[in-house]
Amino acid sequence: MVASTDIKFYVHSNNNAPQLQNAYGSMINVLDACLIDGIQIGVVSSLTASGSTVTATFGAAHNLMQYQVIKITGAAQPEFNGEHRILTIPNSSSLTFELATTPSVTTATGAISASLPPLAWEKTFSIANEAGGGKAAYRSLNLLLPSRPFLRVVDELDPVYTATYAKYAKVGIVEDMTDIDTMLGAQAPYDDALPNKNWVGTGSGSSAYNGWAKWYYASSVLAGQSSDSSAPSIGNRDWICVGNKDHFYIFPAAIPNGKHYSNYGFGNFESFLNLDVANWFLSASTNYSTAGTSLFRADNTGLGSTNSAGRTILLRDHKQNLPTHARTYSLHAAASGEIYSGYMDYIAARSISGVVPVFPIFLRENDGVIRGQIPNFYWVLQQKPHANLAILEKNNSAFMAINSVVGTAENQIVVKIGDLL
């Protein structure tokens, strides 16, 4: 059976991938590539079939990873065209994938090229800033979902801020929009007393407040405390993006050559309620403080955080009322099987029969209601049991272990990157 191509992932090292830099607009560039446009990989020198297994050969290094999804176009024989999950990478310039049936010819002809296809979201509204960066609003194209709110992203220099400070995109869930600056219905996060708290800065210099929910991509430290007013280094940052048509995660490293990542994401989660039209989550660094305040960068993301104050942002609560924050919970490995009333917990040097268990993340609201489950994102029992970016296979699915930045510590999460059947 041919592997599913529903879940896709992208990394900074892919050919022609946009880079996260110490420059405004970097986050929008990455989101555009992963959600909307895809990434061109290059010309395919040959496609050769052995039975239903196809080997694609390139004239240079393709810089792809096992289990990424590629799209083949331009083959004169249509059975070769379309999306395929990479099964093996024999060497740096070749890869293999599987077709549903044996093709009509052994060697494909035509002007053949390969790309990383996008997650197929839509960028409904956007505006560029002459000084760099801009604003964008993204949402799922899946019309079968009960609702399709927007992810609003502001990735530009705020007038109260200073260009040499840390770079991040201000992000939020918006129920409805008519243009990039006109927001209707519920927003999250949202403060009735300060309606523009998440979007419009106040003050100036190191005393400025600029945003509430943030996706950092350039700061002066990878782990530990620093202030936004500390200048980041010049250079490209590593990043990973994983998702499908309903949700995605973006894992940026905040310094050049950093190999540990913040856990950010947006999308539809599995609700345990019979009727839930607002089952959308946002994971971001949630700190509302001045630029001069020293903070741990990723402590409050809610996904992969060891901070008990960590929250995952929800559009509405389980009663479909105004926005709320939900504590993330993991099923604990205790004998009673209780829900662990805390946050990411690990046992530093223990495994069970050589197998490191992973646990799903459940969303529990402040009144104790277990709302649902975060999709395809897992905590691990040990602190860092796997090599960073190691690919794991279990029950005909593939997973990636990703080292996470949490305060001064480094933990690990596991994210599903594809089904192999």
Protein backbone atom coordinates (compact mmCIF):
# COMPACT_ATOMS: atom_id res chain seq x y z
CA MET A 1 0.00 0.00 0.00
CA VAL A 2 1.29 3.48 -0.90
CA ALA A 3 2.21 5.73 2.04
CA SER A 4 -0.17 8.56 2.91
CA THR A 5 0.98 12.09 2.03
CA ASP A 6 -1.39 13.90 4.43
CA ILE A 7 1.26 14.96 6.96
CA LYS A 8 4.21 16.86 5.50
CA PHE A 9 7.34 18.41 6.98
CA TYR A 10 9.97 20.92 5.94
CA VAL A 11 13.40 21.90 7.28
CA HIS A 12 15.65 24.92 6.86
CA SER A 13 18.27 22.84 5.03
CA ASN A 14 15.99 21.90 2.11
CA ASN A 15 17.10 23.36 -1.21
CA ASN A 16 15.63 26.85 -1.73
CA ALA A 17 13.98 26.89 1.71
CA PRO A 18 13.49 30.42 3.11
CA GLN A 19 15.66 31.23 6.09
CA LEU A 20 14.82 32.63 9.51
CA GLN A 21 17.15 35.58 9.93
CA ASN A 22 17.55 38.51 12.27
CA ALA A 23 15.22 40.40 9.95
CA TYR A 24 11.50 41.19 9.97
CA GLY A 25 9.39 39.15 7.59
CA SER A 26 11.41 35.96 8.12
CA MET A 27 8.56 34.10 9.82
CA ILE A 28 6.02 35.08 7.17
CA ASN A 29 8.44 33.91 4.46
CA VAL A 30 8.68 30.47 6.09
CA LEU A 31 4.91 30.23 6.61
CA ASP A 32 4.27 31.22 2.99
CA ALA A 33 6.58 28.45 1.78
CA CYS A 34 5.20 25.72 4.04
CA LEU A 35 1.51 26.62 3.98
CA ILE A 36 0.94 28.27 0.60
CA ASP A 37 3.68 28.00 -2.04
CA GLY A 38 5.77 24.91 -1.41
CA ILE A 39 9.53 24.76 -2.03
CA GLN A 40 11.20 23.99 -5.36
CA ILE A 41 13.83 21.26 -5.03
CA GLY A 42 15.18 21.07 -8.57
CA VAL A 43 15.29 19.22 -11.86
CA VAL A 44 15.08 15.43 -11.75
CA SER A 45 17.70 13.80 -13.98
CA SER A 46 15.90 10.46 -14.15
CA LEU A 47 12.97 8.48 -12.79
CA THR A 48 13.55 4.74 -13.01
CA ALA A 49 11.10 2.08 -11.84
CA SER A 50 11.78 -1.40 -10.53
CA GLY A 51 8.34 -2.84 -10.14
CA SER A 52 6.36 -0.15 -8.32
CA THR A 53 9.43 1.31 -6.58
CA VAL A 54 10.80 4.43 -8.29
CA THR A 55 14.27 5.88 -7.90
CA ALA A 56 14.57 9.61 -8.55
CA THR A 57 18.06 10.86 -9.36
CA PHE A 58 19.13 14.50 -9.24
CA GLY A 59 22.19 16.18 -10.77
CA ALA A 60 23.25 17.50 -7.35
CA ALA A 61 22.47 16.98 -3.66
CA HIS A 62 18.73 17.22 -3.09
CA ASN A 63 19.03 17.89 0.69
CA LEU A 64 15.82 16.03 1.45
CA MET A 65 15.06 13.79 4.43
CA GLN A 66 13.49 10.36 4.64
CA TYR A 67 9.68 10.52 4.82
CA GLN A 68 9.37 14.04 3.45
CA VAL A 69 6.66 14.37 0.80
CA ILE A 70 7.76 15.42 -2.68
CA LYS A 71 5.71 16.37 -5.70
CA ILE A 72 6.81 15.18 -9.13
CA THR A 73 5.67 17.16 -12.18
CA GLY A 74 6.48 17.11 -15.88
CA ALA A 75 6.70 13.36 -16.46
CA ALA A 76 5.12 12.36 -19.78
CA GLN A 77 3.72 9.27 -18.06
CA PRO A 78 1.10 10.60 -15.58
CA GLU A 79 1.50 7.74 -13.10
CA PHE A 80 4.85 9.22 -12.02
CA ASN A 81 3.40 12.67 -11.32
CA GLY A 82 1.85 13.72 -8.03
CA GLU A 83 2.76 13.59 -4.36
CA HIS A 84 4.90 10.78 -2.98
CA ARG A 85 6.42 10.08 0.42
CA ILE A 86 10.18 9.46 0.30
CA LEU A 87 10.86 5.93 1.53
CA THR A 88 14.66 5.74 1.34
CA ILE A 89 17.61 7.97 0.46
CA PRO A 90 20.32 5.75 -1.07
CA ASN A 91 22.71 8.69 -1.43
CA SER A 92 22.75 12.50 -1.44
CA SER A 93 21.47 12.79 -5.02
CA SER A 94 18.84 10.03 -5.14
CA LEU A 95 15.71 8.89 -3.33
CA THR A 96 13.00 6.28 -3.71
CA PHE A 97 9.22 6.30 -3.47
CA GLU A 98 6.41 3.86 -4.17
CA LEU A 99 3.68 3.98 -6.81
CA ALA A 100 0.28 2.34 -6.41
CA THR A 101 0.95 0.08 -9.41
CA THR A 102 3.82 -0.80 -11.72
CA PRO A 103 4.20 2.07 -14.22
CA SER A 104 3.74 1.70 -17.97
CA VAL A 105 7.45 2.29 -18.66
CA THR A 106 10.63 1.60 -16.71
CA THR A 107 12.10 5.06 -17.29
CA ALA A 108 9.97 8.19 -17.28
CA THR A 109 10.39 10.83 -19.96
CA GLY A 110 9.73 14.56 -20.05
CA ALA A 111 11.01 17.71 -18.36
CA ILE A 112 10.70 16.39 -14.80
CA SER A 113 11.07 18.46 -11.64
CA ALA A 114 10.47 17.98 -7.92
CA SER A 115 9.18 20.20 -5.15
CA LEU A 116 8.02 20.04 -1.56
CA PRO A 117 4.27 20.66 -1.91
CA PRO A 118 2.63 23.03 0.59
CA LEU A 119 0.18 22.08 3.33
CA ALA A 120 -2.48 23.74 1.13
CA TRP A 121 -3.75 26.45 3.46
CA GLU A 122 -4.84 29.87 2.24
CA LYS A 123 -3.32 33.27 2.85
CA THR A 124 -6.54 35.26 2.88
CA PHE A 125 -5.22 38.72 3.70
CA SER A 126 -1.78 40.31 3.75
CA ILE A 127 0.02 43.62 3.56
CA ALA A 128 3.72 44.38 3.22
CA ASN A 129 5.58 46.96 5.28
CA GLU A 130 7.98 49.21 3.38
CA ALA A 131 10.44 48.95 6.26
CA GLY A 132 10.42 45.13 6.06
CA GLY A 133 8.05 42.30 6.88
CA GLY A 134 4.34 42.88 7.13
CA LYS A 135 1.10 41.22 8.22
CA ALA A 136 -0.63 38.06 7.03
CA ALA A 137 -3.72 36.00 7.86
CA TYR A 138 -3.78 32.25 7.19
CA ARG A 139 -6.52 29.65 7.56
CA SER A 140 -7.27 26.05 6.67
CA LEU A 141 -8.94 25.28 3.35
CA ASN A 142 -10.70 22.24 4.82
CA LEU A 143 -14.39 23.09 4.39
CA LEU A 144 -15.40 20.03 6.42
CA LEU A 145 -14.22 21.66 9.65
CA PRO A 146 -16.96 23.17 11.86
CA SER A 147 -15.16 26.53 11.78
CA ARG A 148 -12.11 28.05 10.08
CA PRO A 149 -10.69 30.90 12.15
CA PHE A 150 -7.62 32.83 11.06
CA LEU A 151 -4.07 32.79 12.31
CA ARG A 152 -3.14 36.47 12.22
CA VAL A 153 0.61 37.14 12.04
CA VAL A 154 2.26 40.53 12.50
CA ASP A 155 5.92 40.25 11.54
CA GLU A 156 7.13 43.83 11.27
CA LEU A 157 8.78 46.54 13.36
CA ASP A 158 6.30 48.14 15.75
CA PRO A 159 6.74 51.94 16.04
CA VAL A 160 7.39 51.66 19.81
CA TYR A 161 10.05 48.99 19.37
CA THR A 162 13.72 49.17 18.37
CA ALA A 163 15.04 47.49 15.22
CA THR A 164 18.06 45.94 17.01
CA TYR A 165 15.88 44.09 19.54
CA ALA A 166 14.77 40.43 19.44
CA LYS A 167 12.64 39.49 16.44
CA TYR A 168 9.33 37.68 16.74
CA ALA A 169 5.99 37.50 15.01
CA LYS A 170 2.97 38.56 17.05
CA VAL A 171 0.33 35.86 16.57
CA GLY A 172 -3.29 35.29 17.53
CA ILE A 173 -6.45 33.36 16.63
CA VAL A 174 -9.18 35.52 15.08
CA GLU A 175 -12.68 34.19 14.52
CA ASP A 176 -13.43 36.31 11.46
CA MET A 177 -11.79 39.04 9.39
CA THR A 178 -12.80 41.27 6.51
CA ASP A 179 -9.29 42.61 5.86
CA ILE A 180 -5.91 42.30 7.50
CA ASP A 181 -6.72 44.92 10.15
CA THR A 182 -10.47 44.35 10.67
CA MET A 183 -11.09 41.55 13.16
CA LEU A 184 -14.55 40.31 14.11
CA GLY A 185 -15.88 37.93 16.75
CA ALA A 186 -13.61 36.26 19.28
CA GLN A 187 -9.85 36.70 19.46
CA ALA A 188 -7.32 34.78 21.50
CA PRO A 189 -5.42 35.82 23.46
CA TYR A 190 -7.60 38.79 24.36
CA ASP A 191 -7.91 41.20 27.27
CA ASP A 192 -11.15 43.20 27.58
CA ALA A 193 -9.30 45.92 29.45
CA LEU A 194 -6.63 46.20 26.74
CA PRO A 195 -8.22 45.22 23.38
CA ASN A 196 -5.00 45.89 21.42
CA LYS A 197 -2.72 44.19 23.94
CA ASN A 198 -1.64 41.48 21.49
CA TRP A 199 -1.19 43.70 18.44
CA VAL A 200 -0.23 47.31 19.20
CA GLY A 201 2.83 48.31 21.20
CA THR A 202 2.90 50.97 23.91
CA GLY A 203 5.72 52.89 25.57
CA SER A 204 9.19 53.17 24.07
CA GLY A 205 12.67 51.66 24.12
CA SER A 206 13.36 49.07 26.80
CA SER A 207 10.13 50.13 28.56
CA ALA A 208 7.98 49.26 25.54
CA TYR A 209 5.31 46.58 25.64
CA ASN A 210 5.04 44.93 22.23
CA GLY A 211 2.79 41.93 21.83
CA TRP A 212 1.55 39.15 24.08
CA ALA A 213 1.56 35.86 22.10
CA LYS A 214 4.87 35.66 20.22
CA TRP A 215 6.76 33.35 17.90
CA TYR A 216 10.44 34.19 18.52
CA TYR A 217 12.89 33.52 15.72
CA ALA A 218 15.88 35.75 16.60
CA SER A 219 17.07 36.48 20.13
CA SER A 220 20.37 36.78 21.94
CA VAL A 221 20.21 33.38 23.68
CA LEU A 222 19.00 29.89 22.87
CA ALA A 223 18.24 28.84 26.45
CA GLY A 224 18.30 30.79 29.67
CA GLN A 225 17.14 34.28 30.42
CA SER A 226 17.55 37.39 28.32
CA SER A 227 15.60 40.51 27.47
CA ASP A 228 14.12 41.45 24.12
CA SER A 229 16.32 44.54 24.19
CA SER A 230 19.45 42.35 23.95
CA ALA A 231 20.59 42.35 20.33
CA PRO A 232 20.44 39.01 18.44
CA SER A 233 23.31 37.82 16.26
CA ILE A 234 23.24 38.04 12.48
CA GLY A 235 22.79 34.73 10.68
CA ASN A 236 20.35 32.01 9.65
CA ARG A 237 18.40 30.04 12.23
CA ASP A 238 17.45 26.36 12.01
CA TRP A 239 13.73 25.57 11.77
CA ILE A 240 11.32 22.68 11.22
CA CYS A 241 7.67 22.83 10.16
CA VAL A 242 5.31 19.82 10.40
CA GLY A 243 1.60 19.70 9.66
CA ASN A 244 -1.35 18.89 7.46
CA LYS A 245 -4.45 20.64 6.14
CA ASP A 246 -5.85 21.17 9.66
CA HIS A 247 -2.89 22.05 11.91
CA PHE A 248 0.83 22.74 11.84
CA TYR A 249 3.78 23.20 14.19
CA ILE A 250 6.72 25.52 13.63
CA PHE A 251 9.92 24.88 15.58
CA PRO A 252 12.42 27.76 15.28
CA ALA A 253 15.85 27.99 16.92
CA ALA A 254 16.46 31.51 18.15
CA ILE A 255 20.20 31.78 17.45
CA PRO A 256 22.40 30.82 14.46
CA ASN A 257 23.33 27.13 14.49
CA GLY A 258 21.09 26.51 17.49
CA LYS A 259 19.98 22.89 17.66
CA HIS A 260 17.14 23.22 20.14
CA TYR A 261 13.78 24.62 19.24
CA SER A 262 10.75 26.46 20.59
CA ASN A 263 7.43 24.62 20.29
CA TYR A 264 4.92 26.78 18.42
CA GLY A 265 1.82 25.76 16.54
CA PHE A 266 -1.72 26.48 15.39
CA GLY A 267 -4.68 24.44 14.27
CA ASN A 268 -7.69 22.28 14.90
CA PHE A 269 -7.53 19.81 17.79
CA GLU A 270 -9.53 16.67 18.48
CA SER A 271 -12.39 17.74 20.75
CA PHE A 272 -14.01 15.35 23.23
CA LEU A 273 -17.25 17.37 23.12
CA ASN A 274 -20.25 16.34 21.05
CA LEU A 275 -20.64 19.84 19.65
CA ASP A 276 -17.55 22.02 19.46
CA VAL A 277 -17.23 24.67 16.77
CA ALA A 278 -14.25 26.40 18.37
CA ASN A 279 -11.73 23.58 18.82
CA TRP A 280 -8.68 25.60 17.77
CA PHE A 281 -5.40 26.00 19.63
CA LEU A 282 -2.40 28.31 19.47
CA SER A 283 0.96 27.63 21.10
CA ALA A 284 3.16 30.70 21.52
CA SER A 285 5.51 32.32 24.00
CA THR A 286 2.93 34.17 26.10
CA ASN A 287 4.63 36.97 27.92
CA TYR A 288 3.34 40.52 28.24
CA SER A 289 6.31 42.42 29.60
CA THR A 290 8.62 45.24 28.69
CA ALA A 291 11.45 44.82 26.21
CA GLY A 292 13.95 45.25 29.04
CA THR A 293 12.51 42.45 31.20
CA SER A 294 14.70 39.36 31.45
CA LEU A 295 12.67 36.22 30.69
CA PHE A 296 13.03 32.57 29.76
CA ARG A 297 12.12 32.53 26.07
CA ALA A 298 10.03 29.38 25.72
CA ASP A 299 8.69 28.68 29.19
CA ASN A 300 5.07 29.59 28.53
CA THR A 301 4.36 27.88 25.21
CA GLY A 302 2.05 25.26 26.72
CA LEU A 303 3.51 22.59 24.41
CA GLY A 304 6.66 21.07 25.80
CA SER A 305 6.94 23.59 28.63
CA THR A 306 8.17 22.66 32.11
CA ASN A 307 6.64 25.84 33.49
CA SER A 308 3.41 25.23 35.39
CA ALA A 309 2.23 28.63 34.13
CA GLY A 310 2.40 27.31 30.56
CA ARG A 311 -0.85 27.62 28.69
CA THR A 312 -2.15 26.59 25.32
CA ILE A 313 -4.34 29.35 23.90
CA LEU A 314 -7.86 28.35 22.84
CA LEU A 315 -10.28 30.38 20.75
CA ARG A 316 -13.26 29.72 23.05
CA ASP A 317 -13.87 27.56 26.11
CA HIS A 318 -15.86 24.30 26.11
CA LYS A 319 -19.11 26.23 26.59
CA GLN A 320 -18.21 28.18 23.43
CA ASN A 321 -17.78 31.32 25.53
CA LEU A 322 -15.06 33.93 25.17
CA PRO A 323 -11.38 33.00 24.87
CA THR A 324 -9.64 31.01 27.53
CA HIS A 325 -6.27 29.49 28.26
CA ALA A 326 -5.99 25.75 28.80
CA ARG A 327 -3.36 23.99 30.84
CA THR A 328 -1.71 21.13 28.96
CA TYR A 329 -1.76 17.73 30.62
CA SER A 330 -0.07 14.45 29.86
CA LEU A 331 -1.21 10.96 30.75
CA HIS A 332 1.23 9.98 33.48
CA ALA A 333 2.88 6.57 33.68
CA ALA A 334 1.67 5.94 37.23
CA ALA A 335 -0.03 2.67 38.15
CA SER A 336 -3.38 4.35 38.65
CA GLY A 337 -3.22 5.90 35.19
CA GLU A 338 -4.35 9.25 36.50
CA ILE A 339 -4.12 12.51 34.62
CA TYR A 340 -0.96 14.15 35.85
CA SER A 341 -1.87 17.52 37.33
CA GLY A 342 1.04 19.52 36.09
CA TYR A 343 3.15 19.98 33.01
CA MET A 344 5.82 18.14 31.04
CA ASP A 345 7.38 15.62 33.37
CA TYR A 346 10.31 13.36 32.62
CA ILE A 347 12.43 10.75 34.33
CA ALA A 348 16.00 11.71 33.59
CA ALA A 349 17.61 8.29 33.12
CA ARG A 350 15.05 5.55 32.78
CA SER A 351 13.42 3.58 30.03
CA ILE A 352 11.08 0.62 30.06
CA SER A 353 12.64 -2.47 28.44
CA GLY A 354 14.66 -0.17 26.19
CA VAL A 355 11.54 1.53 24.83
CA VAL A 356 10.89 5.17 25.63
CA PRO A 357 7.12 5.75 25.96
CA VAL A 358 5.44 8.80 24.50
CA PHE A 359 2.24 10.39 25.78
CA PRO A 360 -0.37 12.54 24.05
CA ILE A 361 -1.13 16.04 25.24
CA PHE A 362 -4.60 16.68 26.61
CA LEU A 363 -6.19 20.08 27.07
CA ARG A 364 -7.74 20.69 30.46
CA GLU A 365 -9.55 23.95 31.06
CA ASN A 366 -9.50 25.86 34.33
CA ASP A 367 -12.75 24.28 35.57
CA GLY A 368 -11.32 20.79 35.12
CA VAL A 369 -13.03 19.85 31.83
CA ILE A 370 -10.77 17.74 29.58
CA ARG A 371 -11.51 19.49 26.30
CA GLY A 372 -9.56 17.42 23.81
CA GLN A 373 -6.19 16.28 22.52
CA ILE A 374 -3.44 18.09 20.63
CA PRO A 375 -2.86 16.29 17.30
CA ASN A 376 0.35 14.43 16.43
CA PHE A 377 2.43 15.99 19.23
CA TYR A 378 3.79 13.93 22.14
CA TRP A 379 5.82 14.17 25.32
CA VAL A 380 8.49 11.59 26.11
CA LEU A 381 9.20 9.95 29.44
CA GLN A 382 12.90 10.68 29.45
CA GLN A 383 14.54 14.07 29.12
CA LYS A 384 16.36 13.44 25.82
CA PRO A 385 16.23 9.73 24.97
CA HIS A 386 16.82 10.11 21.22
CA ALA A 387 19.28 11.94 19.01
CA ASN A 388 18.01 15.34 17.91
CA LEU A 389 15.87 15.03 14.74
CA ALA A 390 16.04 11.23 14.94
CA ILE A 391 13.33 9.55 12.88
CA LEU A 392 11.42 6.81 14.69
CA GLU A 393 9.00 4.22 13.30
CA LYS A 394 6.12 2.73 15.25
CA ASN A 395 2.87 1.05 14.16
CA ASN A 396 3.34 1.99 10.48
CA SER A 397 3.86 5.67 11.32
CA ALA A 398 6.99 7.83 11.36
CA PHE A 399 7.90 10.28 14.11
CA MET A 400 10.65 12.83 14.69
CA ALA A 401 12.31 13.54 18.05
CA ILE A 402 12.98 17.26 18.46
CA ASN A 403 15.09 18.82 21.21
CA SER A 404 13.22 21.67 22.87
CA VAL A 405 14.40 24.78 24.70
CA VAL A 406 12.78 25.17 28.11
CA GLY A 407 14.31 27.74 30.46
CA THR A 408 17.91 26.65 31.01
CA ALA A 409 17.08 23.00 30.33
CA GLU A 410 16.74 20.99 27.16
CA ASN A 411 13.90 18.51 26.83
CA GLN A 412 12.58 16.51 23.92
CA ILE A 413 9.22 16.14 22.24
CA VAL A 414 8.10 13.76 19.49
CA VAL A 415 5.98 14.84 16.54
CA LYS A 416 4.35 12.59 13.97
CA ILE A 417 5.71 13.22 10.46
CA GLY A 418 3.71 10.73 8.44
CA ASP A 419 1.76 7.52 8.06
CA LEU A 420 3.59 4.82 6.12
CA LEU A 421 0.45 3.04 4.92
